[in-house]
């Protein structure tokens, strides 16, 4: 099942997508040359911008019918230049929990996930 479904998307002369689906519980990497529309696509998926043409669905609902703040609490966009908040590395790793108003994870879980990232 797709969490995002895009149909006939056009944004200026920057981006044109005939059809595209992004699956549930998947990590999706978007690659391409500078100016190919990667950031534009991510902005569309986070409702920071709207397409000139076409339709975008999130969890089978039209994305324009979803509160942008609710959508952004469920969809993570990692920018090319990451934001570093004041505080420790631990504080920065936990900031998403703070923003989402969920209980921070314990240090054991942080270490376990850090080892996964380190080992690739």
PDB file of N, CA and C in Angstrom:
ATOM      1  N   UNK A   1       0.841  -1.181   0.000  1.00  0.00           N
ATOM      2  CA  UNK A   1       0.000   0.000   0.000  1.00  0.00           C
ATOM      3  C   UNK A   1       0.886   1.244   0.000  1.00  0.00           C
ATOM      4  N   UNK A   2       0.495   2.215  -0.763  1.00  0.00           N
ATOM      5  CA  UNK A   2       1.271   3.457  -0.859  1.00  0.00           C
ATOM      6  C   UNK A   2       0.800   4.445   0.195  1.00  0.00           C
ATOM      7  N   UNK A   3       1.762   5.117   0.825  1.00  0.00           N
ATOM      8  CA  UNK A   3       1.390   6.189   1.747  1.00  0.00           C
ATOM      9  C   UNK A   3       1.230   7.491   0.960  1.00  0.00           C
ATOM     10  N   UNK A   4       2.045   7.663  -0.100  1.00  0.00           N
ATOM     11  CA  UNK A   4       1.905   8.801  -0.999  1.00  0.00           C
ATOM     12  C   UNK A   4       1.605   8.276  -2.395  1.00  0.00           C
ATOM     13  N   UNK A   5       0.684   8.933  -3.052  1.00  0.00           N
ATOM     14  CA  UNK A   5       0.402   8.631  -4.449  1.00  0.00           C
ATOM     15  C   UNK A   5       0.328   9.962  -5.186  1.00  0.00           C
ATOM     16  N   UNK A   6       1.112  10.084  -6.233  1.00  0.00           N
ATOM     17  CA  UNK A   6       1.134  11.306  -7.027  1.00  0.00           C
ATOM     18  C   UNK A   6       0.623  10.986  -8.416  1.00  0.00           C
ATOM     19  N   UNK A   7      -0.243  11.858  -8.938  1.00  0.00           N
ATOM     20  CA  UNK A   7      -0.816  11.659 -10.269  1.00  0.00           C
ATOM     21  C   UNK A   7      -0.669  12.934 -11.095  1.00  0.00           C
ATOM     22  N   UNK A   8       0.024  12.811 -12.212  1.00  0.00           N
ATOM     23  CA  UNK A   8       0.158  13.899 -13.193  1.00  0.00           C
ATOM     24  C   UNK A   8       0.553  15.234 -12.558  1.00  0.00           C
ATOM     25  N   UNK A   9       1.631  15.210 -11.799  1.00  0.00           N
ATOM     26  CA  UNK A   9       2.104  16.401 -11.088  1.00  0.00           C
ATOM     27  C   UNK A   9       2.967  17.262 -11.997  1.00  0.00           C
ATOM     28  N   UNK A  10       2.693  18.557 -11.969  1.00  0.00           N
ATOM     29  CA  UNK A  10       3.533  19.529 -12.667  1.00  0.00           C
ATOM     30  C   UNK A  10       3.720  20.740 -11.766  1.00  0.00           C
ATOM     31  N   UNK A  11       4.972  21.207 -11.717  1.00  0.00           N
ATOM     32  CA  UNK A  11       5.313  22.427 -10.986  1.00  0.00           C
ATOM     33  C   UNK A  11       6.212  23.244 -11.898  1.00  0.00           C
ATOM     34  N   UNK A  12       5.673  24.363 -12.396  1.00  0.00           N
ATOM     35  CA  UNK A  12       6.413  25.224 -13.325  1.00  0.00           C
ATOM     36  C   UNK A  12       7.123  24.372 -14.368  1.00  0.00           C
ATOM     37  N   UNK A  13       8.361  24.688 -14.639  1.00  0.00           N
ATOM     38  CA  UNK A  13       9.169  23.860 -15.534  1.00  0.00           C
ATOM     39  C   UNK A  13      10.191  23.059 -14.722  1.00  0.00           C
ATOM     40  N   UNK A  14       9.930  22.929 -13.430  1.00  0.00           N
ATOM     41  CA  UNK A  14      10.884  22.280 -12.534  1.00  0.00           C
ATOM     42  C   UNK A  14      10.635  20.784 -12.415  1.00  0.00           C
ATOM     43  N   UNK A  15       9.353  20.391 -12.321  1.00  0.00           N
ATOM     44  CA  UNK A  15       9.032  19.016 -11.977  1.00  0.00           C
ATOM     45  C   UNK A  15       7.831  18.537 -12.765  1.00  0.00           C
ATOM     46  N   UNK A  16       7.926  17.325 -13.314  1.00  0.00           N
ATOM     47  CA  UNK A  16       6.807  16.668 -13.987  1.00  0.00           C
ATOM     48  C   UNK A  16       6.860  15.184 -13.626  1.00  0.00           C
ATOM     49  N   UNK A  17       5.820  14.705 -12.966  1.00  0.00           N
ATOM     50  CA  UNK A  17       5.743  13.306 -12.547  1.00  0.00           C
ATOM     51  C   UNK A  17       4.441  12.740 -13.085  1.00  0.00           C
ATOM     52  N   UNK A  18       4.543  11.710 -13.906  1.00  0.00           N
ATOM     53  CA  UNK A  18       3.340  11.101 -14.468  1.00  0.00           C
ATOM     54  C   UNK A  18       2.561  10.383 -13.367  1.00  0.00           C
ATOM     55  N   UNK A  19       3.155   9.395 -12.764  1.00  0.00           N
ATOM     56  CA  UNK A  19       2.562   8.656 -11.650  1.00  0.00           C
ATOM     57  C   UNK A  19       3.695   8.174 -10.757  1.00  0.00           C
ATOM     58  N   UNK A  20       3.460   8.198  -9.454  1.00  0.00           N
ATOM     59  CA  UNK A  20       4.495   7.771  -8.507  1.00  0.00           C
ATOM     60  C   UNK A  20       3.831   7.344  -7.209  1.00  0.00           C
ATOM     61  N   UNK A  21       4.345   6.279  -6.610  1.00  0.00           N
ATOM     62  CA  UNK A  21       3.866   5.838  -5.303  1.00  0.00           C
ATOM     63  C   UNK A  21       5.064   5.658  -4.382  1.00  0.00           C
ATOM     64  N   UNK A  22       4.875   6.044  -3.137  1.00  0.00           N
ATOM     65  CA  UNK A  22       5.884   5.844  -2.102  1.00  0.00           C
ATOM     66  C   UNK A  22       5.243   4.966  -1.052  1.00  0.00           C
ATOM     67  N   UNK A  23       5.857   3.833  -0.760  1.00  0.00           N
ATOM     68  CA  UNK A  23       5.272   2.822   0.109  1.00  0.00           C
ATOM     69  C   UNK A  23       5.294   3.163   1.586  1.00  0.00           C
ATOM     70  N   UNK A  24       4.436   2.477   2.302  1.00  0.00           N
ATOM     71  CA  UNK A  24       4.327   2.613   3.751  1.00  0.00           C
ATOM     72  C   UNK A  24       5.515   1.938   4.434  1.00  0.00           C
ATOM     73  N   UNK A  25       5.994   2.553   5.507  1.00  0.00           N
ATOM     74  CA  UNK A  25       7.088   2.005   6.323  1.00  0.00           C
ATOM     75  C   UNK A  25       8.343   1.718   5.504  1.00  0.00           C
ATOM     76  N   UNK A  26       8.647   2.603   4.581  1.00  0.00           N
ATOM     77  CA  UNK A  26       9.836   2.479   3.753  1.00  0.00           C
ATOM     78  C   UNK A  26      10.669   3.745   3.877  1.00  0.00           C
ATOM     79  N   UNK A  27      11.962   3.593   3.759  1.00  0.00           N
ATOM     80  CA  UNK A  27      12.841   4.746   3.648  1.00  0.00           C
ATOM     81  C   UNK A  27      13.020   4.989   2.157  1.00  0.00           C
ATOM     82  N   UNK A  28      12.733   6.190   1.716  1.00  0.00           N
ATOM     83  CA  UNK A  28      12.827   6.514   0.300  1.00  0.00           C
ATOM     84  C   UNK A  28      13.883   7.594   0.112  1.00  0.00           C
ATOM     85  N   UNK A  29      14.844   7.320  -0.736  1.00  0.00           N
ATOM     86  CA  UNK A  29      15.879   8.297  -1.053  1.00  0.00           C
ATOM     87  C   UNK A  29      15.583   8.892  -2.418  1.00  0.00           C
ATOM     88  N   UNK A  30      15.667  10.192  -2.499  1.00  0.00           N
ATOM     89  CA  UNK A  30      15.419  10.890  -3.748  1.00  0.00           C
ATOM     90  C   UNK A  30      16.749  11.467  -4.207  1.00  0.00           C
ATOM     91  N   UNK A  31      17.193  11.028  -5.366  1.00  0.00           N
ATOM     92  CA  UNK A  31      18.487  11.471  -5.873  1.00  0.00           C
ATOM     93  C   UNK A  31      18.309  12.132  -7.236  1.00  0.00           C
ATOM     94  N   UNK A  32      19.266  12.913  -7.620  1.00  0.00           N
ATOM     95  CA  UNK A  32      19.228  13.560  -8.929  1.00  0.00           C
ATOM     96  C   UNK A  32      20.165  14.744  -8.959  1.00  0.00           C
ATOM     97  N   UNK A  33      20.334  15.265 -10.150  1.00  0.00           N
ATOM     98  CA  UNK A  33      21.215  16.404 -10.336  1.00  0.00           C
ATOM     99  C   UNK A  33      20.622  17.652  -9.696  1.00  0.00           C
ATOM    100  N   UNK A  34      21.474  18.620  -9.462  1.00  0.00           N
ATOM    101  CA  UNK A  34      21.039  19.909  -8.945  1.00  0.00           C
ATOM    102  C   UNK A  34      20.009  20.510  -9.898  1.00  0.00           C
ATOM    103  N   UNK A  35      18.891  20.958  -9.335  1.00  0.00           N
ATOM    104  CA  UNK A  35      17.846  21.575 -10.143  1.00  0.00           C
ATOM    105  C   UNK A  35      16.860  20.606 -10.758  1.00  0.00           C
ATOM    106  N   UNK A  36      16.958  19.320 -10.401  1.00  0.00           N
ATOM    107  CA  UNK A  36      16.076  18.327 -11.020  1.00  0.00           C
ATOM    108  C   UNK A  36      14.715  18.201 -10.333  1.00  0.00           C
ATOM    109  N   UNK A  37      14.503  18.910  -9.211  1.00  0.00           N
ATOM    110  CA  UNK A  37      13.192  18.915  -8.571  1.00  0.00           C
ATOM    111  C   UNK A  37      13.081  18.128  -7.279  1.00  0.00           C
ATOM    112  N   UNK A  38      14.200  17.675  -6.726  1.00  0.00           N
ATOM    113  CA  UNK A  38      14.159  16.890  -5.486  1.00  0.00           C
ATOM    114  C   UNK A  38      13.546  17.682  -4.334  1.00  0.00           C
ATOM    115  N   UNK A  39      14.045  18.859  -4.106  1.00  0.00           N
ATOM    116  CA  UNK A  39      13.526  19.699  -3.015  1.00  0.00           C
ATOM    117  C   UNK A  39      12.082  20.097  -3.276  1.00  0.00           C
ATOM    118  N   UNK A  40      11.757  20.354  -4.528  1.00  0.00           N
ATOM    119  CA  UNK A  40      10.379  20.702  -4.882  1.00  0.00           C
ATOM    120  C   UNK A  40       9.440  19.549  -4.540  1.00  0.00           C
ATOM    121  N   UNK A  41       9.841  18.328  -4.854  1.00  0.00           N
ATOM    122  CA  UNK A  41       9.028  17.159  -4.523  1.00  0.00           C
ATOM    123  C   UNK A  41       8.815  17.057  -3.014  1.00  0.00           C
ATOM    124  N   UNK A  42       9.872  17.213  -2.250  1.00  0.00           N
ATOM    125  CA  UNK A  42       9.748  17.129  -0.792  1.00  0.00           C
ATOM    126  C   UNK A  42       8.851  18.238  -0.241  1.00  0.00           C
ATOM    127  N   UNK A  43       8.945  19.409  -0.810  1.00  0.00           N
ATOM    128  CA  UNK A  43       8.086  20.515  -0.383  1.00  0.00           C
ATOM    129  C   UNK A  43       6.615  20.209  -0.684  1.00  0.00           C
ATOM    130  N   UNK A  44       6.362  19.540  -1.810  1.00  0.00           N
ATOM    131  CA  UNK A  44       4.990  19.142  -2.137  1.00  0.00           C
ATOM    132  C   UNK A  44       4.468  18.119  -1.131  1.00  0.00           C
ATOM    133  N   UNK A  45       5.309  17.142  -0.781  1.00  0.00           N
ATOM    134  CA  UNK A  45       4.893  16.082   0.135  1.00  0.00           C
ATOM    135  C   UNK A  45       4.664  16.597   1.551  1.00  0.00           C
ATOM    136  N   UNK A  46       5.260  17.725   1.884  1.00  0.00           N
ATOM    137  CA  UNK A  46       5.078  18.321   3.215  1.00  0.00           C
ATOM    138  C   UNK A  46       4.100  19.501   3.190  1.00  0.00           C
ATOM    139  N   UNK A  47       3.464  19.720   2.059  1.00  0.00           N
ATOM    140  CA  UNK A  47       2.507  20.814   1.854  1.00  0.00           C
ATOM    141  C   UNK A  47       3.112  22.189   2.127  1.00  0.00           C
ATOM    142  N   UNK A  48       4.371  22.319   1.808  1.00  0.00           N
ATOM    143  CA  UNK A  48       5.001  23.629   1.864  1.00  0.00           C
ATOM    144  C   UNK A  48       4.731  24.367   0.555  1.00  0.00           C
ATOM    145  N   UNK A  49       4.449  23.611  -0.501  1.00  0.00           N
ATOM    146  CA  UNK A  49       4.073  24.136  -1.806  1.00  0.00           C
ATOM    147  C   UNK A  49       2.947  23.269  -2.361  1.00  0.00           C
ATOM    148  N   UNK A  50       2.218  23.805  -3.332  1.00  0.00           N
ATOM    149  CA  UNK A  50       1.177  23.057  -4.034  1.00  0.00           C
ATOM    150  C   UNK A  50       1.565  22.909  -5.490  1.00  0.00           C
ATOM    151  N   UNK A  51       1.186  21.787  -6.119  1.00  0.00           N
ATOM    152  CA  UNK A  51       1.499  21.623  -7.538  1.00  0.00           C
ATOM    153  C   UNK A  51       0.638  22.549  -8.396  1.00  0.00           C
ATOM    154  N   UNK A  52       1.146  22.896  -9.567  1.00  0.00           N
ATOM    155  CA  UNK A  52       0.355  23.665 -10.529  1.00  0.00           C
ATOM    156  C   UNK A  52      -0.733  22.788 -11.134  1.00  0.00           C
ATOM    157  N   UNK A  53      -0.403  21.513 -11.308  1.00  0.00           N
ATOM    158  CA  UNK A  53      -1.342  20.537 -11.855  1.00  0.00           C
ATOM    159  C   UNK A  53      -1.158  19.214 -11.141  1.00  0.00           C
ATOM    160  N   UNK A  54      -2.200  18.388 -11.153  1.00  0.00           N
ATOM    161  CA  UNK A  54      -2.108  17.034 -10.629  1.00  0.00           C
ATOM    162  C   UNK A  54      -2.654  16.898  -9.224  1.00  0.00           C
ATOM    163  N   UNK A  55      -2.596  15.664  -8.736  1.00  0.00           N
ATOM    164  CA  UNK A  55      -3.148  15.339  -7.419  1.00  0.00           C
ATOM    165  C   UNK A  55      -2.128  14.554  -6.601  1.00  0.00           C
ATOM    166  N   UNK A  56      -2.131  14.833  -5.311  1.00  0.00           N
ATOM    167  CA  UNK A  56      -1.281  14.111  -4.365  1.00  0.00           C
ATOM    168  C   UNK A  56      -2.187  13.565  -3.273  1.00  0.00           C
ATOM    169  N   UNK A  57      -1.987  12.294  -2.947  1.00  0.00           N
ATOM    170  CA  UNK A  57      -2.754  11.643  -1.886  1.00  0.00           C
ATOM    171  C   UNK A  57      -1.796  11.187  -0.789  1.00  0.00           C
ATOM    172  N   UNK A  58      -2.231  11.335   0.442  1.00  0.00           N
ATOM    173  CA  UNK A  58      -1.493  10.811   1.587  1.00  0.00           C
ATOM    174  C   UNK A  58      -2.439   9.877   2.327  1.00  0.00           C
ATOM    175  N   UNK A  59      -2.043   8.634   2.462  1.00  0.00           N
ATOM    176  CA  UNK A  59      -2.878   7.638   3.142  1.00  0.00           C
ATOM    177  C   UNK A  59      -4.281   7.620   2.519  1.00  0.00           C
ATOM    178  N   UNK A  60      -4.331   7.668   1.208  1.00  0.00           N
ATOM    179  CA  UNK A  60      -5.543   7.601   0.376  1.00  0.00           C
ATOM    180  C   UNK A  60      -6.453   8.827   0.495  1.00  0.00           C
ATOM    181  N   UNK A  61      -5.970   9.895   1.128  1.00  0.00           N
ATOM    182  CA  UNK A  61      -6.753  11.125   1.235  1.00  0.00           C
ATOM    183  C   UNK A  61      -6.068  12.217   0.428  1.00  0.00           C
ATOM    184  N   UNK A  62      -6.852  13.097  -0.227  1.00  0.00           N
ATOM    185  CA  UNK A  62      -6.219  14.216  -0.935  1.00  0.00           C
ATOM    186  C   UNK A  62      -5.384  15.046   0.044  1.00  0.00           C
ATOM    187  N   UNK A  63      -4.150  15.295  -0.314  1.00  0.00           N
ATOM    188  CA  UNK A  63      -3.229  15.958   0.610  1.00  0.00           C
ATOM    189  C   UNK A  63      -3.699  17.366   0.977  1.00  0.00           C
ATOM    190  N   UNK A  64      -4.400  18.035   0.056  1.00  0.00           N
ATOM    191  CA  UNK A  64      -4.867  19.391   0.358  1.00  0.00           C
ATOM    192  C   UNK A  64      -5.973  19.398   1.414  1.00  0.00           C
ATOM    193  N   UNK A  65      -6.570  18.227   1.712  1.00  0.00           N
ATOM    194  CA  UNK A  65      -7.627  18.138   2.717  1.00  0.00           C
ATOM    195  C   UNK A  65      -7.074  17.818   4.113  1.00  0.00           C
ATOM    196  N   UNK A  66      -5.753  17.673   4.219  1.00  0.00           N
ATOM    197  CA  UNK A  66      -5.122  17.307   5.487  1.00  0.00           C
ATOM    198  C   UNK A  66      -4.475  18.538   6.097  1.00  0.00           C
ATOM    199  N   UNK A  67      -4.688  18.735   7.381  1.00  0.00           N
ATOM    200  CA  UNK A  67      -4.060  19.850   8.097  1.00  0.00           C
ATOM    201  C   UNK A  67      -2.542  19.735   7.930  1.00  0.00           C
ATOM    202  N   UNK A  68      -1.887  20.789   7.426  1.00  0.00           N
ATOM    203  CA  UNK A  68      -0.443  20.714   7.192  1.00  0.00           C
ATOM    204  C   UNK A  68       0.368  20.354   8.445  1.00  0.00           C
ATOM    205  N   UNK A  69      -0.036  20.845   9.598  1.00  0.00           N
ATOM    206  CA  UNK A  69       0.714  20.518  10.823  1.00  0.00           C
ATOM    207  C   UNK A  69       0.570  19.049  11.181  1.00  0.00           C
ATOM    208  N   UNK A  70      -0.617  18.490  10.992  1.00  0.00           N
ATOM    209  CA  UNK A  70      -0.828  17.063  11.244  1.00  0.00           C
ATOM    210  C   UNK A  70       0.003  16.239  10.263  1.00  0.00           C
ATOM    211  N   UNK A  71      -0.008  16.640   9.006  1.00  0.00           N
ATOM    212  CA  UNK A  71       0.778  15.937   7.993  1.00  0.00           C
ATOM    213  C   UNK A  71       2.262  15.958   8.341  1.00  0.00           C
ATOM    214  N   UNK A  72       2.762  17.124   8.701  1.00  0.00           N
ATOM    215  CA  UNK A  72       4.203  17.258   8.994  1.00  0.00           C
ATOM    216  C   UNK A  72       4.606  16.514  10.264  1.00  0.00           C
ATOM    217  N   UNK A  73       3.638  16.227  11.139  1.00  0.00           N
ATOM    218  CA  UNK A  73       3.972  15.429  12.327  1.00  0.00           C
ATOM    219  C   UNK A  73       4.133  13.957  11.967  1.00  0.00           C
ATOM    220  N   UNK A  74       3.661  13.563  10.776  1.00  0.00           N
ATOM    221  CA  UNK A  74       3.739  12.170  10.355  1.00  0.00           C
ATOM    222  C   UNK A  74       4.755  11.919   9.246  1.00  0.00           C
ATOM    223  N   UNK A  75       5.200  12.984   8.585  1.00  0.00           N
ATOM    224  CA  UNK A  75       6.123  12.864   7.463  1.00  0.00           C
ATOM    225  C   UNK A  75       7.394  13.631   7.798  1.00  0.00           C
ATOM    226  N   UNK A  76       8.523  12.953   7.724  1.00  0.00           N
ATOM    227  CA  UNK A  76       9.793  13.580   8.070  1.00  0.00           C
ATOM    228  C   UNK A  76      10.531  13.960   6.799  1.00  0.00           C
ATOM    229  N   UNK A  77      10.954  15.198   6.722  1.00  0.00           N
ATOM    230  CA  UNK A  77      11.756  15.678   5.611  1.00  0.00           C
ATOM    231  C   UNK A  77      13.113  16.082   6.176  1.00  0.00           C
ATOM    232  N   UNK A  78      14.157  15.482   5.654  1.00  0.00           N
ATOM    233  CA  UNK A  78      15.511  15.801   6.099  1.00  0.00           C
ATOM    234  C   UNK A  78      16.140  16.715   5.057  1.00  0.00           C
ATOM    235  N   UNK A  79      16.409  17.961   5.413  1.00  0.00           N
ATOM    236  CA  UNK A  79      16.973  18.896   4.436  1.00  0.00           C
ATOM    237  C   UNK A  79      18.433  18.580   4.127  1.00  0.00           C
ATOM    238  N   UNK A  80      18.921  19.160   3.026  1.00  0.00           N
ATOM    239  CA  UNK A  80      20.307  18.934   2.634  1.00  0.00           C
ATOM    240  C   UNK A  80      21.280  19.450   3.684  1.00  0.00           C
ATOM    241  N   UNK A  81      20.953  20.568   4.291  1.00  0.00           N
ATOM    242  CA  UNK A  81      21.765  21.124   5.360  1.00  0.00           C
ATOM    243  C   UNK A  81      20.985  20.940   6.657  1.00  0.00           C
ATOM    244  N   UNK A  82      21.388  19.976   7.466  1.00  0.00           N
ATOM    245  CA  UNK A  82      20.616  19.699   8.676  1.00  0.00           C
ATOM    246  C   UNK A  82      20.663  20.857   9.673  1.00  0.00           C
ATOM    247  N   UNK A  83      19.597  20.978  10.420  1.00  0.00           N
ATOM    248  CA  UNK A  83      19.511  21.981  11.476  1.00  0.00           C
ATOM    249  C   UNK A  83      20.076  21.366  12.753  1.00  0.00           C
ATOM    250  N   UNK A  84      20.964  22.079  13.396  1.00  0.00           N
ATOM    251  CA  UNK A  84      21.522  21.644  14.677  1.00  0.00           C
ATOM    252  C   UNK A  84      20.990  22.601  15.740  1.00  0.00           C
ATOM    253  N   UNK A  85      20.309  22.034  16.727  1.00  0.00           N
ATOM    254  CA  UNK A  85      19.743  22.833  17.803  1.00  0.00           C
ATOM    255  C   UNK A  85      20.763  23.005  18.919  1.00  0.00           C
ATOM    256  N   UNK A  86      20.586  24.037  19.734  1.00  0.00           N
ATOM    257  CA  UNK A  86      21.445  24.227  20.899  1.00  0.00           C
ATOM    258  C   UNK A  86      21.314  23.013  21.808  1.00  0.00           C
ATOM    259  N   UNK A  87      22.386  22.639  22.422  1.00  0.00           N
ATOM    260  CA  UNK A  87      22.368  21.513  23.344  1.00  0.00           C
ATOM    261  C   UNK A  87      23.304  20.420  22.885  1.00  0.00           C
ATOM    262  N   UNK A  88      23.177  19.274  23.510  1.00  0.00           N
ATOM    263  CA  UNK A  88      24.048  18.132  23.240  1.00  0.00           C
ATOM    264  C   UNK A  88      23.557  17.346  22.027  1.00  0.00           C
ATOM    265  N   UNK A  89      24.355  16.378  21.603  1.00  0.00           N
ATOM    266  CA  UNK A  89      23.928  15.471  20.536  1.00  0.00           C
ATOM    267  C   UNK A  89      22.670  14.734  20.977  1.00  0.00           C
ATOM    268  N   UNK A  90      22.660  14.292  22.215  1.00  0.00           N
ATOM    269  CA  UNK A  90      21.478  13.610  22.766  1.00  0.00           C
ATOM    270  C   UNK A  90      20.248  14.509  22.659  1.00  0.00           C
ATOM    271  N   UNK A  91      20.382  15.776  23.034  1.00  0.00           N
ATOM    272  CA  UNK A  91      19.267  16.720  22.939  1.00  0.00           C
ATOM    273  C   UNK A  91      18.756  16.811  21.501  1.00  0.00           C
ATOM    274  N   UNK A  92      19.693  16.863  20.546  1.00  0.00           N
ATOM    275  CA  UNK A  92      19.307  16.961  19.139  1.00  0.00           C
ATOM    276  C   UNK A  92      18.615  15.688  18.651  1.00  0.00           C
ATOM    277  N   UNK A  93      19.069  14.533  19.131  1.00  0.00           N
ATOM    278  CA  UNK A  93      18.427  13.279  18.748  1.00  0.00           C
ATOM    279  C   UNK A  93      17.019  13.156  19.337  1.00  0.00           C
ATOM    280  N   UNK A  94      16.794  13.782  20.475  1.00  0.00           N
ATOM    281  CA  UNK A  94      15.503  13.692  21.158  1.00  0.00           C
ATOM    282  C   UNK A  94      14.524  14.798  20.748  1.00  0.00           C
ATOM    283  N   UNK A  95      14.981  15.787  19.983  1.00  0.00           N
ATOM    284  CA  UNK A  95      14.152  16.956  19.690  1.00  0.00           C
ATOM    285  C   UNK A  95      12.856  16.584  18.959  1.00  0.00           C
ATOM    286  N   UNK A  96      12.914  15.553  18.123  1.00  0.00           N
ATOM    287  CA  UNK A  96      11.699  15.103  17.427  1.00  0.00           C
ATOM    288  C   UNK A  96      10.636  14.622  18.396  1.00  0.00           C
ATOM    289  N   UNK A  97      11.079  13.945  19.441  1.00  0.00           N
ATOM    290  CA  UNK A  97      10.133  13.493  20.477  1.00  0.00           C
ATOM    291  C   UNK A  97       9.499  14.693  21.173  1.00  0.00           C
ATOM    292  N   UNK A  98      10.310  15.687  21.440  1.00  0.00           N
ATOM    293  CA  UNK A  98       9.807  16.901  22.091  1.00  0.00           C
ATOM    294  C   UNK A  98       8.771  17.587  21.209  1.00  0.00           C
ATOM    295  N   UNK A  99       9.099  17.761  19.925  1.00  0.00           N
ATOM    296  CA  UNK A  99       8.167  18.416  18.998  1.00  0.00           C
ATOM    297  C   UNK A  99       6.887  17.607  18.826  1.00  0.00           C
ATOM    298  N   UNK A 100       7.004  16.279  18.863  1.00  0.00           N
ATOM    299  CA  UNK A 100       5.839  15.412  18.669  1.00  0.00           C
ATOM    300  C   UNK A 100       5.080  15.143  19.964  1.00  0.00           C
ATOM    301  N   UNK A 101       5.621  15.693  21.040  1.00  0.00           N
ATOM    302  CA  UNK A 101       5.007  15.514  22.374  1.00  0.00           C
ATOM    303  C   UNK A 101       4.884  14.042  22.767  1.00  0.00           C
ATOM    304  N   UNK A 102       5.944  13.292  22.446  1.00  0.00           N
ATOM    305  CA  UNK A 102       5.985  11.901  22.876  1.00  0.00           C
ATOM    306  C   UNK A 102       7.147  11.729  23.844  1.00  0.00           C
ATOM    307  N   UNK A 103       7.080  10.676  24.612  1.00  0.00           N
ATOM    308  CA  UNK A 103       8.100  10.406  25.613  1.00  0.00           C
ATOM    309  C   UNK A 103       9.455  10.167  24.940  1.00  0.00           C
ATOM    310  N   UNK A 104      10.511  10.843  25.413  1.00  0.00           N
ATOM    311  CA  UNK A 104      11.848  10.607  24.848  1.00  0.00           C
ATOM    312  C   UNK A 104      12.268   9.149  25.021  1.00  0.00           C
ATOM    313  N   UNK A 105      13.060   8.653  24.077  1.00  0.00           N
ATOM    314  CA  UNK A 105      13.555   7.278  24.182  1.00  0.00           C
ATOM    315  C   UNK A 105      14.725   7.233  25.157  1.00  0.00           C
ATOM    316  N   UNK A 106      14.944   6.049  25.708  1.00  0.00           N
ATOM    317  CA  UNK A 106      16.027   5.923  26.687  1.00  0.00           C
ATOM    318  C   UNK A 106      17.383   5.840  25.983  1.00  0.00           C
ATOM    319  N   UNK A 107      18.447   6.025  26.763  1.00  0.00           N
ATOM    320  CA  UNK A 107      19.802   6.059  26.212  1.00  0.00           C
ATOM    321  C   UNK A 107      20.188   4.741  25.545  1.00  0.00           C
ATOM    322  N   UNK A 108      19.698   3.612  26.067  1.00  0.00           N
ATOM    323  CA  UNK A 108      20.013   2.316  25.462  1.00  0.00           C
ATOM    324  C   UNK A 108      19.517   2.265  24.023  1.00  0.00           C
ATOM    325  N   UNK A 109      18.304   2.748  23.811  1.00  0.00           N
ATOM    326  CA  UNK A 109      17.737   2.732  22.459  1.00  0.00           C
ATOM    327  C   UNK A 109      18.498   3.693  21.538  1.00  0.00           C
ATOM    328  N   UNK A 110      18.886   4.850  22.060  1.00  0.00           N
ATOM    329  CA  UNK A 110      19.685   5.784  21.257  1.00  0.00           C
ATOM    330  C   UNK A 110      20.994   5.121  20.826  1.00  0.00           C
ATOM    331  N   UNK A 111      21.668   4.437  21.763  1.00  0.00           N
ATOM    332  CA  UNK A 111      22.938   3.777  21.452  1.00  0.00           C
ATOM    333  C   UNK A 111      22.738   2.667  20.434  1.00  0.00           C
ATOM    334  N   UNK A 112      21.671   1.880  20.578  1.00  0.00           N
ATOM    335  CA  UNK A 112      21.377   0.799  19.654  1.00  0.00           C
ATOM    336  C   UNK A 112      21.183   1.337  18.230  1.00  0.00           C
ATOM    337  N   UNK A 113      20.409   2.412  18.114  1.00  0.00           N
ATOM    338  CA  UNK A 113      20.166   2.990  16.796  1.00  0.00           C
ATOM    339  C   UNK A 113      21.417   3.652  16.231  1.00  0.00           C
ATOM    340  N   UNK A 114      22.239   4.238  17.075  1.00  0.00           N
ATOM    341  CA  UNK A 114      23.497   4.836  16.625  1.00  0.00           C
ATOM    342  C   UNK A 114      24.411   3.750  16.051  1.00  0.00           C
ATOM    343  N   UNK A 115      24.433   2.594  16.683  1.00  0.00           N
ATOM    344  CA  UNK A 115      25.246   1.475  16.162  1.00  0.00           C
ATOM    345  C   UNK A 115      24.737   1.008  14.809  1.00  0.00           C
ATOM    346  N   UNK A 116      23.412   0.992  14.622  1.00  0.00           N
ATOM    347  CA  UNK A 116      22.837   0.603  13.329  1.00  0.00           C
ATOM    348  C   UNK A 116      23.264   1.573  12.235  1.00  0.00           C
ATOM    349  N   UNK A 117      23.208   2.861  12.535  1.00  0.00           N
ATOM    350  CA  UNK A 117      23.576   3.883  11.550  1.00  0.00           C
ATOM    351  C   UNK A 117      25.062   3.778  11.235  1.00  0.00           C
ATOM    352  N   UNK A 118      25.886   3.568  12.257  1.00  0.00           N
ATOM    353  CA  UNK A 118      27.331   3.483  12.082  1.00  0.00           C
ATOM    354  C   UNK A 118      27.716   2.276  11.222  1.00  0.00           C
ATOM    355  N   UNK A 119      27.044   1.136  11.438  1.00  0.00           N
ATOM    356  CA  UNK A 119      27.395  -0.072  10.702  1.00  0.00           C
ATOM    357  C   UNK A 119      26.795  -0.104   9.301  1.00  0.00           C
ATOM    358  N   UNK A 120      25.878   0.821   9.022  1.00  0.00           N
ATOM    359  CA  UNK A 120      25.306   0.905   7.684  1.00  0.00           C
ATOM    360  C   UNK A 120      24.237  -0.091   7.508  1.00  0.00           C
TER     361      UNK A 120
END
